[in-house]
Amino acid sequence: MDEARLRVASGEVIRRYIYRFLSILFLATILATVAMSLGTVHAQGADSRESITMSPTNSQYTTSISGVINDKLTIVNDSKTAYDFIVYARPYSVNNNEYNNPDFMTLAKSADLYAWVQFPQTKFHAEPNTTTYVNYSINVPANASPGGHYGVIFAEVQPLVAEGSGNQIIRKKRVGSIVYMTVNGEVKLSGEIGAGSIPFWQVQPPLHTTVVAKNTGNTHFTSNAILSVHDIFGNLKYQSRKNYFVLPNTVRTMDLNWDKAPWFGLFKASTEQTFLGKTYKSEGYVLLMPRYLPVALILVIVIGGVYALARRRKN
């Protein structure tokens, strides 16, 4: 009789521990989900007194040697603060395949367009809620090489420096417009497809894929990339289209993401990339599942096995 009571008591203790563990696991899952959702909130800078926007963000031109391009940029001050700003041109090149670290200092071979840009006026004053037009010209020299040439035009806010500020470090806000130019002549347009990726197991949104293009010519081209995501029943859940510039003699890896994908699910992702008249396609399955779920499943199986063993001994 005592042995039977001991078995019953042991079973109750095991059940109590199992229920307690599952409750803690459930609470931890909820807290982890809330933490991930809060992590998507982006911080905004406290220094938002001045605001400057520029359009267009990029321009494309084709011209001949000794040609002249005349155009303008639009600067908008949509803040409540007046400010002065200056405009100037700088080289433009890239340092990696993601193009997320542009180089505005190195005088690369095709980054010489900045030296051809001229402004009739370089300093401006912008009152609140006003629009300013900045005229500029690009004068192509007679010795310019055929192919692509690149630069960026910046508009930079000039902060007001208060008297007695000493050696205070003052941050300047600036916006830029990239200029892509092809000079006629022996222009070579050519490119190759690279190895993109559609990872199968992804532990959290966004659903991530990449496509890759390699420019083997001497001027830039545009790659049109499409991401389509279907569920396992063939229903379209998401589709996006993006256009990317690919500079000569570079490889560009382009991210195609579904930012608001659910935290769990099995999907079929397909990418389509078109450039220079050719289309390349790829597809694969993607499992969106947090890293802790397999661990939790294993723990539940182990606990279930222990509980089943305890009941078997009891009987």
C-alpha atoms as a PDB file:
ATOM      1  CA  MET A   1       0.000   0.000   0.000  1.00  0.00           C
ATOM      2  CA  ASP A   2       2.804   2.426   0.935  1.00  0.00           C
ATOM      3  CA  GLU A   3       4.586   1.602  -2.307  1.00  0.00           C
ATOM      4  CA  ALA A   4       1.405   2.360  -4.311  1.00  0.00           C
ATOM      5  CA  ARG A   5       0.944   5.658  -2.495  1.00  0.00           C
ATOM      6  CA  LEU A   6       4.568   6.509  -3.185  1.00  0.00           C
ATOM      7  CA  ARG A   7       4.067   5.849  -6.898  1.00  0.00           C
ATOM      8  CA  VAL A   8       0.929   8.023  -6.938  1.00  0.00           C
ATOM      9  CA  ALA A   9       2.758  10.809  -5.116  1.00  0.00           C
ATOM     10  CA  SER A  10       5.723  10.558  -7.512  1.00  0.00           C
ATOM     11  CA  GLY A  11       3.375  10.752 -10.497  1.00  0.00           C
ATOM     12  CA  GLU A  12       1.697  13.850  -9.068  1.00  0.00           C
ATOM     13  CA  VAL A  13       5.062  15.527  -8.510  1.00  0.00           C
ATOM     14  CA  ILE A  14       6.163  14.769 -12.089  1.00  0.00           C
ATOM     15  CA  ARG A  15       2.865  16.083 -13.472  1.00  0.00           C
ATOM     16  CA  ARG A  16       3.228  19.241 -11.413  1.00  0.00           C
ATOM     17  CA  TYR A  17       6.736  19.849 -12.745  1.00  0.00           C
ATOM     18  CA  ILE A  18       5.592  19.179 -16.315  1.00  0.00           C
ATOM     19  CA  TYR A  19       2.715  21.660 -16.054  1.00  0.00           C
ATOM     20  CA  ARG A  20       5.005  24.241 -14.457  1.00  0.00           C
ATOM     21  CA  PHE A  21       7.630  23.798 -17.193  1.00  0.00           C
ATOM     22  CA  LEU A  22       5.064  24.046 -19.994  1.00  0.00           C
ATOM     23  CA  SER A  23       3.633  27.212 -18.419  1.00  0.00           C
ATOM     24  CA  ILE A  24       7.095  28.784 -18.256  1.00  0.00           C
ATOM     25  CA  LEU A  25       7.798  27.714 -21.845  1.00  0.00           C
ATOM     26  CA  PHE A  26       4.509  29.221 -23.030  1.00  0.00           C
ATOM     27  CA  LEU A  27       5.226  32.487 -21.225  1.00  0.00           C
ATOM     28  CA  ALA A  28       8.755  32.614 -22.646  1.00  0.00           C
ATOM     29  CA  THR A  29       7.375  32.105 -26.164  1.00  0.00           C
ATOM     30  CA  ILE A  30       4.956  35.004 -25.722  1.00  0.00           C
ATOM     31  CA  LEU A  31       7.694  37.259 -24.338  1.00  0.00           C
ATOM     32  CA  ALA A  32      10.068  36.355 -27.190  1.00  0.00           C
ATOM     33  CA  THR A  33       7.394  37.116 -29.784  1.00  0.00           C
ATOM     34  CA  VAL A  34       6.645  40.494 -28.165  1.00  0.00           C
ATOM     35  CA  ALA A  35      10.364  41.290 -28.004  1.00  0.00           C
ATOM     36  CA  MET A  36      10.813  40.528 -31.714  1.00  0.00           C
ATOM     37  CA  SER A  37       7.865  42.731 -32.651  1.00  0.00           C
ATOM     38  CA  LEU A  38       9.200  45.597 -30.527  1.00  0.00           C
ATOM     39  CA  GLY A  39      12.595  45.161 -32.144  1.00  0.00           C
ATOM     40  CA  THR A  40      11.180  46.265 -35.489  1.00  0.00           C
ATOM     41  CA  VAL A  41      10.592  49.800 -34.203  1.00  0.00           C
ATOM     42  CA  HIS A  42      13.179  52.140 -35.678  1.00  0.00           C
ATOM     43  CA  ALA A  43      14.811  54.857 -33.644  1.00  0.00           C
ATOM     44  CA  GLN A  44      14.458  58.402 -34.850  1.00  0.00           C
ATOM     45  CA  GLY A  45      17.119  60.989 -34.335  1.00  0.00           C
ATOM     46  CA  ALA A  46      16.494  63.650 -31.781  1.00  0.00           C
ATOM     47  CA  ASP A  47      17.983  66.306 -34.040  1.00  0.00           C
ATOM     48  CA  SER A  48      15.010  66.831 -36.336  1.00  0.00           C
ATOM     49  CA  ARG A  49      14.882  70.644 -36.303  1.00  0.00           C
ATOM     50  CA  GLU A  50      16.147  70.990 -39.856  1.00  0.00           C
ATOM     51  CA  SER A  51      14.813  68.951 -42.764  1.00  0.00           C
ATOM     52  CA  ILE A  52      16.118  68.833 -46.318  1.00  0.00           C
ATOM     53  CA  THR A  53      15.013  66.643 -49.213  1.00  0.00           C
ATOM     54  CA  MET A  54      16.317  66.453 -52.757  1.00  0.00           C
ATOM     55  CA  SER A  55      14.836  65.187 -56.000  1.00  0.00           C
ATOM     56  CA  PRO A  56      15.537  63.386 -58.175  1.00  0.00           C
ATOM     57  CA  THR A  57      17.703  60.956 -56.206  1.00  0.00           C
ATOM     58  CA  ASN A  58      19.518  59.958 -59.409  1.00  0.00           C
ATOM     59  CA  SER A  59      19.815  61.069 -63.028  1.00  0.00           C
ATOM     60  CA  GLN A  60      20.911  59.287 -66.209  1.00  0.00           C
ATOM     61  CA  TYR A  61      22.393  60.965 -69.252  1.00  0.00           C
ATOM     62  CA  THR A  62      23.881  59.887 -72.564  1.00  0.00           C
ATOM     63  CA  THR A  63      25.974  62.372 -74.505  1.00  0.00           C
ATOM     64  CA  SER A  64      28.998  62.695 -76.749  1.00  0.00           C
ATOM     65  CA  ILE A  65      32.517  63.946 -76.181  1.00  0.00           C
ATOM     66  CA  SER A  66      32.494  67.720 -75.560  1.00  0.00           C
ATOM     67  CA  GLY A  67      28.743  67.524 -74.923  1.00  0.00           C
ATOM     68  CA  VAL A  68      26.951  69.724 -72.397  1.00  0.00           C
ATOM     69  CA  ILE A  69      24.073  68.685 -70.134  1.00  0.00           C
ATOM     70  CA  ASN A  70      21.926  71.323 -68.385  1.00  0.00           C
ATOM     71  CA  ASP A  71      19.544  70.269 -65.630  1.00  0.00           C
ATOM     72  CA  LYS A  72      18.297  71.174 -62.146  1.00  0.00           C
ATOM     73  CA  LEU A  73      17.659  69.667 -58.712  1.00  0.00           C
ATOM     74  CA  THR A  74      14.738  70.413 -56.425  1.00  0.00           C
ATOM     75  CA  ILE A  75      15.472  71.125 -52.749  1.00  0.00           C
ATOM     76  CA  VAL A  76      12.576  71.209 -50.275  1.00  0.00           C
ATOM     77  CA  ASN A  77      12.712  72.630 -46.766  1.00  0.00           C
ATOM     78  CA  ASP A  78       9.616  71.120 -45.132  1.00  0.00           C
ATOM     79  CA  SER A  79      10.635  72.058 -41.587  1.00  0.00           C
ATOM     80  CA  LYS A  80       9.858  75.131 -39.475  1.00  0.00           C
ATOM     81  CA  THR A  81      13.448  76.325 -39.498  1.00  0.00           C
ATOM     82  CA  ALA A  82      15.222  78.457 -42.081  1.00  0.00           C
ATOM     83  CA  TYR A  83      18.763  77.521 -43.047  1.00  0.00           C
ATOM     84  CA  ASP A  84      21.540  78.052 -45.564  1.00  0.00           C
ATOM     85  CA  PHE A  85      22.821  75.204 -47.705  1.00  0.00           C
ATOM     86  CA  ILE A  86      25.611  74.699 -50.195  1.00  0.00           C
ATOM     87  CA  VAL A  87      25.891  72.409 -53.229  1.00  0.00           C
ATOM     88  CA  TYR A  88      28.949  70.599 -54.537  1.00  0.00           C
ATOM     89  CA  ALA A  89      29.937  67.468 -56.504  1.00  0.00           C
ATOM     90  CA  ARG A  90      32.021  64.488 -55.407  1.00  0.00           C
ATOM     91  CA  PRO A  91      33.253  61.180 -56.938  1.00  0.00           C
ATOM     92  CA  TYR A  92      30.988  58.142 -56.709  1.00  0.00           C
ATOM     93  CA  SER A  93      32.096  54.512 -56.586  1.00  0.00           C
ATOM     94  CA  VAL A  94      31.327  51.428 -54.474  1.00  0.00           C
ATOM     95  CA  ASN A  95      33.451  49.238 -52.197  1.00  0.00           C
ATOM     96  CA  ASN A  96      31.446  46.021 -51.904  1.00  0.00           C
ATOM     97  CA  ASN A  97      28.935  43.851 -53.718  1.00  0.00           C
ATOM     98  CA  GLU A  98      26.029  45.126 -51.624  1.00  0.00           C
ATOM     99  CA  TYR A  99      26.640  48.747 -52.698  1.00  0.00           C
ATOM    100  CA  ASN A 100      25.845  49.775 -49.104  1.00  0.00           C
ATOM    101  CA  ASN A 101      29.147  51.576 -48.549  1.00  0.00           C
ATOM    102  CA  PRO A 102      29.445  54.182 -51.318  1.00  0.00           C
ATOM    103  CA  ASP A 103      32.791  55.923 -51.693  1.00  0.00           C
ATOM    104  CA  PHE A 104      32.658  59.682 -52.201  1.00  0.00           C
ATOM    105  CA  MET A 105      36.393  60.276 -51.863  1.00  0.00           C
ATOM    106  CA  THR A 106      38.380  57.821 -53.989  1.00  0.00           C
ATOM    107  CA  LEU A 107      39.214  58.995 -57.495  1.00  0.00           C
ATOM    108  CA  ALA A 108      38.335  55.735 -59.220  1.00  0.00           C
ATOM    109  CA  LYS A 109      38.722  55.374 -62.981  1.00  0.00           C
ATOM    110  CA  SER A 110      35.079  56.044 -63.836  1.00  0.00           C
ATOM    111  CA  ALA A 111      34.335  58.347 -60.874  1.00  0.00           C
ATOM    112  CA  ASP A 112      35.534  61.506 -62.617  1.00  0.00           C
ATOM    113  CA  LEU A 113      32.193  63.099 -63.494  1.00  0.00           C
ATOM    114  CA  TYR A 114      32.289  65.318 -60.394  1.00  0.00           C
ATOM    115  CA  ALA A 115      35.025  67.399 -62.041  1.00  0.00           C
ATOM    116  CA  TRP A 116      32.732  68.171 -64.978  1.00  0.00           C
ATOM    117  CA  VAL A 117      29.883  69.614 -62.885  1.00  0.00           C
ATOM    118  CA  GLN A 118      29.483  73.385 -62.670  1.00  0.00           C
ATOM    119  CA  PHE A 119      27.022  75.476 -60.648  1.00  0.00           C
ATOM    120  CA  PRO A 120      26.104  79.086 -61.429  1.00  0.00           C
ATOM    121  CA  GLN A 121      25.370  79.409 -57.700  1.00  0.00           C
ATOM    122  CA  THR A 122      26.643  77.236 -54.838  1.00  0.00           C
ATOM    123  CA  LYS A 123      25.148  78.840 -51.705  1.00  0.00           C
ATOM    124  CA  PHE A 124      21.423  79.191 -51.044  1.00  0.00           C
ATOM    125  CA  HIS A 125      19.016  80.237 -48.300  1.00  0.00           C
ATOM    126  CA  ALA A 126      15.863  78.190 -47.687  1.00  0.00           C
ATOM    127  CA  GLU A 127      12.949  79.552 -45.674  1.00  0.00           C
ATOM    128  CA  PRO A 128      10.564  77.100 -43.950  1.00  0.00           C
ATOM    129  CA  ASN A 129       8.165  75.232 -46.268  1.00  0.00           C
ATOM    130  CA  THR A 130       9.816  76.476 -49.452  1.00  0.00           C
ATOM    131  CA  THR A 131      11.235  74.896 -52.600  1.00  0.00           C
ATOM    132  CA  THR A 132      14.567  75.871 -54.119  1.00  0.00           C
ATOM    133  CA  TYR A 133      15.798  74.934 -57.595  1.00  0.00           C
ATOM    134  CA  VAL A 134      19.505  74.330 -58.105  1.00  0.00           C
ATOM    135  CA  ASN A 135      20.725  74.633 -61.682  1.00  0.00           C
ATOM    136  CA  TYR A 136      23.827  72.819 -62.829  1.00  0.00           C
ATOM    137  CA  SER A 137      25.636  71.857 -66.020  1.00  0.00           C
ATOM    138  CA  ILE A 138      27.856  68.923 -66.932  1.00  0.00           C
ATOM    139  CA  ASN A 139      30.569  69.768 -69.452  1.00  0.00           C
ATOM    140  CA  VAL A 140      32.123  66.620 -70.942  1.00  0.00           C
ATOM    141  CA  PRO A 141      35.789  67.218 -71.840  1.00  0.00           C
ATOM    142  CA  ALA A 142      37.225  66.421 -75.249  1.00  0.00           C
ATOM    143  CA  ASN A 143      39.474  63.707 -73.793  1.00  0.00           C
ATOM    144  CA  ALA A 144      36.678  61.847 -71.952  1.00  0.00           C
ATOM    145  CA  SER A 145      36.792  58.096 -72.488  1.00  0.00           C
ATOM    146  CA  PRO A 146      33.744  56.326 -73.956  1.00  0.00           C
ATOM    147  CA  GLY A 147      31.614  54.461 -71.436  1.00  0.00           C
ATOM    148  CA  GLY A 148      30.298  55.164 -67.960  1.00  0.00           C
ATOM    149  CA  HIS A 149      31.200  58.111 -65.734  1.00  0.00           C
ATOM    150  CA  TYR A 150      29.774  58.707 -62.273  1.00  0.00           C
ATOM    151  CA  GLY A 151      29.486  61.322 -59.562  1.00  0.00           C
ATOM    152  CA  VAL A 152      27.161  62.607 -56.868  1.00  0.00           C
ATOM    153  CA  ILE A 153      25.783  66.096 -56.261  1.00  0.00           C
ATOM    154  CA  PHE A 154      25.306  66.993 -52.587  1.00  0.00           C
ATOM    155  CA  ALA A 155      23.220  69.658 -50.895  1.00  0.00           C
ATOM    156  CA  GLU A 156      24.494  70.277 -47.365  1.00  0.00           C
ATOM    157  CA  VAL A 157      22.854  72.323 -44.612  1.00  0.00           C
ATOM    158  CA  GLN A 158      25.138  74.897 -43.019  1.00  0.00           C
ATOM    159  CA  PRO A 159      24.410  75.025 -39.272  1.00  0.00           C
ATOM    160  CA  LEU A 160      24.234  78.258 -37.347  1.00  0.00           C
ATOM    161  CA  VAL A 161      27.144  78.487 -34.916  1.00  0.00           C
ATOM    162  CA  ALA A 162      26.304  80.312 -31.700  1.00  0.00           C
ATOM    163  CA  GLU A 163      28.838  82.658 -30.167  1.00  0.00           C
ATOM    164  CA  GLY A 164      30.890  81.081 -27.414  1.00  0.00           C
ATOM    165  CA  SER A 165      30.342  77.543 -28.726  1.00  0.00           C
ATOM    166  CA  GLY A 166      34.108  76.932 -28.571  1.00  0.00           C
ATOM    167  CA  ASN A 167      35.247  73.645 -30.064  1.00  0.00           C
ATOM    168  CA  GLN A 168      31.771  72.164 -30.220  1.00  0.00           C
ATOM    169  CA  ILE A 169      31.383  69.477 -32.925  1.00  0.00           C
ATOM    170  CA  ILE A 170      28.500  70.371 -35.246  1.00  0.00           C
ATOM    171  CA  ARG A 171      26.874  67.733 -37.433  1.00  0.00           C
ATOM    172  CA  LYS A 172      25.850  68.798 -40.919  1.00  0.00           C
ATOM    173  CA  LYS A 173      22.917  67.260 -42.748  1.00  0.00           C
ATOM    174  CA  ARG A 174      23.268  66.518 -46.440  1.00  0.00           C
ATOM    175  CA  VAL A 175      21.399  64.748 -49.225  1.00  0.00           C
ATOM    176  CA  GLY A 176      22.739  63.525 -52.550  1.00  0.00           C
ATOM    177  CA  SER A 177      21.721  62.766 -56.113  1.00  0.00           C
ATOM    178  CA  ILE A 178      23.803  60.211 -58.040  1.00  0.00           C
ATOM    179  CA  VAL A 179      24.602  61.019 -61.661  1.00  0.00           C
ATOM    180  CA  TYR A 180      25.033  58.175 -64.173  1.00  0.00           C
ATOM    181  CA  MET A 181      26.435  59.226 -67.556  1.00  0.00           C
ATOM    182  CA  THR A 182      27.387  57.283 -70.674  1.00  0.00           C
ATOM    183  CA  VAL A 183      29.734  58.970 -73.143  1.00  0.00           C
ATOM    184  CA  ASN A 184      29.161  57.719 -76.678  1.00  0.00           C
ATOM    185  CA  GLY A 185      31.867  55.883 -78.581  1.00  0.00           C
ATOM    186  CA  GLU A 186      33.142  52.366 -78.087  1.00  0.00           C
ATOM    187  CA  VAL A 187      30.540  51.497 -75.471  1.00  0.00           C
ATOM    188  CA  LYS A 188      30.363  47.863 -74.332  1.00  0.00           C
ATOM    189  CA  LEU A 189      27.164  46.659 -72.663  1.00  0.00           C
ATOM    190  CA  SER A 190      27.605  43.163 -71.243  1.00  0.00           C
ATOM    191  CA  GLY A 191      26.836  41.272 -68.056  1.00  0.00           C
ATOM    192  CA  GLU A 192      26.536  37.862 -66.425  1.00  0.00           C
ATOM    193  CA  ILE A 193      24.198  36.292 -63.912  1.00  0.00           C
ATOM    194  CA  GLY A 194      25.658  35.477 -60.512  1.00  0.00           C
ATOM    195  CA  ALA A 195      24.770  32.912 -57.862  1.00  0.00           C
ATOM    196  CA  GLY A 196      21.841  34.224 -55.835  1.00  0.00           C
ATOM    197  CA  SER A 197      20.394  32.559 -52.758  1.00  0.00           C
ATOM    198  CA  ILE A 198      17.065  31.441 -51.298  1.00  0.00           C
ATOM    199  CA  PRO A 199      17.948  30.080 -47.820  1.00  0.00           C
ATOM    200  CA  PHE A 200      15.591  27.315 -46.678  1.00  0.00           C
ATOM    201  CA  TRP A 201      15.469  27.810 -42.896  1.00  0.00           C
ATOM    202  CA  GLN A 202      15.100  31.428 -41.823  1.00  0.00           C
ATOM    203  CA  VAL A 203      14.608  32.086 -38.113  1.00  0.00           C
ATOM    204  CA  GLN A 204      12.738  35.394 -38.331  1.00  0.00           C
ATOM    205  CA  PRO A 205      11.220  37.870 -40.801  1.00  0.00           C
ATOM    206  CA  PRO A 206      11.945  39.307 -43.251  1.00  0.00           C
ATOM    207  CA  LEU A 207      11.872  36.441 -45.711  1.00  0.00           C
ATOM    208  CA  HIS A 208      15.214  36.984 -47.403  1.00  0.00           C
ATOM    209  CA  THR A 209      16.479  36.190 -50.920  1.00  0.00           C
ATOM    210  CA  THR A 210      19.235  37.612 -53.106  1.00  0.00           C
ATOM    211  CA  VAL A 211      19.974  37.953 -56.797  1.00  0.00           C
ATOM    212  CA  VAL A 212      23.402  38.734 -58.250  1.00  0.00           C
ATOM    213  CA  ALA A 213      24.462  40.497 -61.453  1.00  0.00           C
ATOM    214  CA  LYS A 214      27.967  41.017 -62.799  1.00  0.00           C
ATOM    215  CA  ASN A 215      28.750  43.917 -65.135  1.00  0.00           C
ATOM    216  CA  THR A 216      31.539  42.985 -67.576  1.00  0.00           C
ATOM    217  CA  GLY A 217      31.119  46.045 -69.796  1.00  0.00           C
ATOM    218  CA  ASN A 218      32.365  49.627 -69.597  1.00  0.00           C
ATOM    219  CA  THR A 219      29.104  51.356 -68.667  1.00  0.00           C
ATOM    220  CA  HIS A 220      26.257  50.775 -66.248  1.00  0.00           C
ATOM    221  CA  PHE A 221      23.026  48.898 -66.856  1.00  0.00           C
ATOM    222  CA  THR A 222      19.753  48.467 -64.955  1.00  0.00           C
ATOM    223  CA  SER A 223      18.662  45.147 -63.474  1.00  0.00           C
ATOM    224  CA  ASN A 224      14.947  44.589 -62.910  1.00  0.00           C
ATOM    225  CA  ALA A 225      14.360  42.080 -60.083  1.00  0.00           C
ATOM    226  CA  ILE A 226      11.077  40.505 -58.955  1.00  0.00           C
ATOM    227  CA  LEU A 227      10.362  38.480 -55.817  1.00  0.00           C
ATOM    228  CA  SER A 228       7.197  36.346 -55.704  1.00  0.00           C
ATOM    229  CA  VAL A 229       6.152  34.314 -52.654  1.00  0.00           C
ATOM    230  CA  HIS A 230       3.411  31.664 -52.683  1.00  0.00           C
ATOM    231  CA  ASP A 231       2.054  29.483 -49.910  1.00  0.00           C
ATOM    232  CA  ILE A 232       2.115  25.689 -50.223  1.00  0.00           C
ATOM    233  CA  PHE A 233      -1.310  25.794 -51.900  1.00  0.00           C
ATOM    234  CA  GLY A 234      -0.068  28.063 -54.698  1.00  0.00           C
ATOM    235  CA  ASN A 235      -1.693  31.284 -53.473  1.00  0.00           C
ATOM    236  CA  LEU A 236       0.331  34.440 -54.072  1.00  0.00           C
ATOM    237  CA  LYS A 237       1.178  35.990 -50.692  1.00  0.00           C
ATOM    238  CA  TYR A 238       3.661  38.688 -51.704  1.00  0.00           C
ATOM    239  CA  GLN A 239       5.301  40.231 -54.753  1.00  0.00           C
ATOM    240  CA  SER A 240       7.734  43.118 -55.161  1.00  0.00           C
ATOM    241  CA  ARG A 241       9.709  44.638 -58.011  1.00  0.00           C
ATOM    242  CA  LYS A 242      12.919  46.661 -57.767  1.00  0.00           C
ATOM    243  CA  ASN A 243      15.315  48.264 -60.227  1.00  0.00           C
ATOM    244  CA  TYR A 244      19.049  48.403 -59.521  1.00  0.00           C
ATOM    245  CA  PHE A 245      21.978  50.074 -61.225  1.00  0.00           C
ATOM    246  CA  VAL A 246      25.026  47.873 -61.787  1.00  0.00           C
ATOM    247  CA  LEU A 247      28.278  49.782 -62.343  1.00  0.00           C
ATOM    248  CA  PRO A 248      30.920  48.592 -64.826  1.00  0.00           C
ATOM    249  CA  ASN A 249      33.461  46.044 -63.587  1.00  0.00           C
ATOM    250  CA  THR A 250      31.467  45.360 -60.424  1.00  0.00           C
ATOM    251  CA  VAL A 251      29.310  42.556 -59.037  1.00  0.00           C
ATOM    252  CA  ARG A 252      26.105  43.597 -57.311  1.00  0.00           C
ATOM    253  CA  THR A 253      24.213  41.485 -54.792  1.00  0.00           C
ATOM    254  CA  MET A 254      20.634  42.684 -54.514  1.00  0.00           C
ATOM    255  CA  ASP A 255      18.395  41.889 -51.539  1.00  0.00           C
ATOM    256  CA  LEU A 256      14.786  40.946 -52.240  1.00  0.00           C
ATOM    257  CA  ASN A 257      12.897  40.739 -48.954  1.00  0.00           C
ATOM    258  CA  TRP A 258       9.354  40.225 -47.705  1.00  0.00           C
ATOM    259  CA  ASP A 259       9.583  42.536 -44.705  1.00  0.00           C
ATOM    260  CA  LYS A 260       6.169  41.738 -43.207  1.00  0.00           C
ATOM    261  CA  ALA A 261       6.327  37.975 -43.582  1.00  0.00           C
ATOM    262  CA  PRO A 262       4.756  35.934 -40.753  1.00  0.00           C
ATOM    263  CA  TRP A 263       7.038  34.536 -38.083  1.00  0.00           C
ATOM    264  CA  PHE A 264       6.102  30.947 -38.973  1.00  0.00           C
ATOM    265  CA  GLY A 265       5.220  29.235 -42.248  1.00  0.00           C
ATOM    266  CA  LEU A 266       6.379  27.262 -45.264  1.00  0.00           C
ATOM    267  CA  PHE A 267       6.513  29.191 -48.543  1.00  0.00           C
ATOM    268  CA  LYS A 268       7.757  28.856 -52.093  1.00  0.00           C
ATOM    269  CA  ALA A 269       9.881  31.843 -53.130  1.00  0.00           C
ATOM    270  CA  SER A 270      10.833  32.626 -56.724  1.00  0.00           C
ATOM    271  CA  THR A 271      13.119  35.354 -58.051  1.00  0.00           C
ATOM    272  CA  GLU A 272      13.261  36.754 -61.560  1.00  0.00           C
ATOM    273  CA  GLN A 273      16.025  39.044 -62.783  1.00  0.00           C
ATOM    274  CA  THR A 274      16.094  40.797 -66.156  1.00  0.00           C
ATOM    275  CA  PHE A 275      18.941  42.838 -67.616  1.00  0.00           C
ATOM    276  CA  LEU A 276      20.354  43.466 -71.087  1.00  0.00           C
ATOM    277  CA  GLY A 277      17.401  41.660 -72.686  1.00  0.00           C
ATOM    278  CA  LYS A 278      17.823  38.377 -70.779  1.00  0.00           C
ATOM    279  CA  THR A 279      15.740  36.928 -67.934  1.00  0.00           C
ATOM    280  CA  TYR A 280      17.020  34.586 -65.218  1.00  0.00           C
ATOM    281  CA  LYS A 281      14.752  32.705 -62.779  1.00  0.00           C
ATOM    282  CA  SER A 282      15.281  30.778 -59.557  1.00  0.00           C
ATOM    283  CA  GLU A 283      12.964  29.253 -56.942  1.00  0.00           C
ATOM    284  CA  GLY A 284      13.074  27.371 -53.668  1.00  0.00           C
ATOM    285  CA  TYR A 285      11.166  26.634 -50.468  1.00  0.00           C
ATOM    286  CA  VAL A 286      11.567  28.770 -47.357  1.00  0.00           C
ATOM    287  CA  LEU A 287      10.687  27.675 -43.817  1.00  0.00           C
ATOM    288  CA  LEU A 288      10.170  30.612 -41.471  1.00  0.00           C
ATOM    289  CA  MET A 289      10.535  29.255 -37.953  1.00  0.00           C
ATOM    290  CA  PRO A 290      12.167  30.737 -34.824  1.00  0.00           C
ATOM    291  CA  ARG A 291      15.254  28.936 -33.580  1.00  0.00           C
ATOM    292  CA  TYR A 292      13.672  28.175 -30.212  1.00  0.00           C
ATOM    293  CA  LEU A 293      10.746  26.170 -31.653  1.00  0.00           C
ATOM    294  CA  PRO A 294      12.736  22.991 -32.499  1.00  0.00           C
ATOM    295  CA  VAL A 295      14.335  23.128 -29.045  1.00  0.00           C
ATOM    296  CA  ALA A 296      10.920  23.520 -27.418  1.00  0.00           C
ATOM    297  CA  LEU A 297       9.556  20.617 -29.471  1.00  0.00           C
ATOM    298  CA  ILE A 298      12.425  18.358 -28.384  1.00  0.00           C
ATOM    299  CA  LEU A 299      11.871  19.319 -24.753  1.00  0.00           C
ATOM    300  CA  VAL A 300       8.148  18.576 -25.024  1.00  0.00           C
ATOM    301  CA  ILE A 301       8.919  15.155 -26.547  1.00  0.00           C
ATOM    302  CA  VAL A 302      11.427  14.368 -23.783  1.00  0.00           C
ATOM    303  CA  ILE A 303       9.022  15.475 -21.042  1.00  0.00           C
ATOM    304  CA  GLY A 304       6.209  13.505 -22.658  1.00  0.00           C
ATOM    305  CA  GLY A 305       8.431  10.435 -22.714  1.00  0.00           C
ATOM    306  CA  VAL A 306       9.318  10.880 -19.048  1.00  0.00           C
ATOM    307  CA  TYR A 307       5.661  11.322 -18.166  1.00  0.00           C
ATOM    308  CA  ALA A 308       4.662   8.229 -20.167  1.00  0.00           C
ATOM    309  CA  LEU A 309       7.407   6.216 -18.471  1.00  0.00           C
ATOM    310  CA  ALA A 310       6.233   7.385 -15.070  1.00  0.00           C
ATOM    311  CA  ARG A 311       2.649   6.334 -15.814  1.00  0.00           C
ATOM    312  CA  ARG A 312       3.837   2.969 -17.060  1.00  0.00           C
ATOM    313  CA  ARG A 313       5.737   2.376 -13.823  1.00  0.00           C
ATOM    314  CA  LYS A 314       2.702   3.457 -11.855  1.00  0.00           C
ATOM    315  CA  ASN A 315       0.541   0.880 -13.607  1.00  0.00           C
END
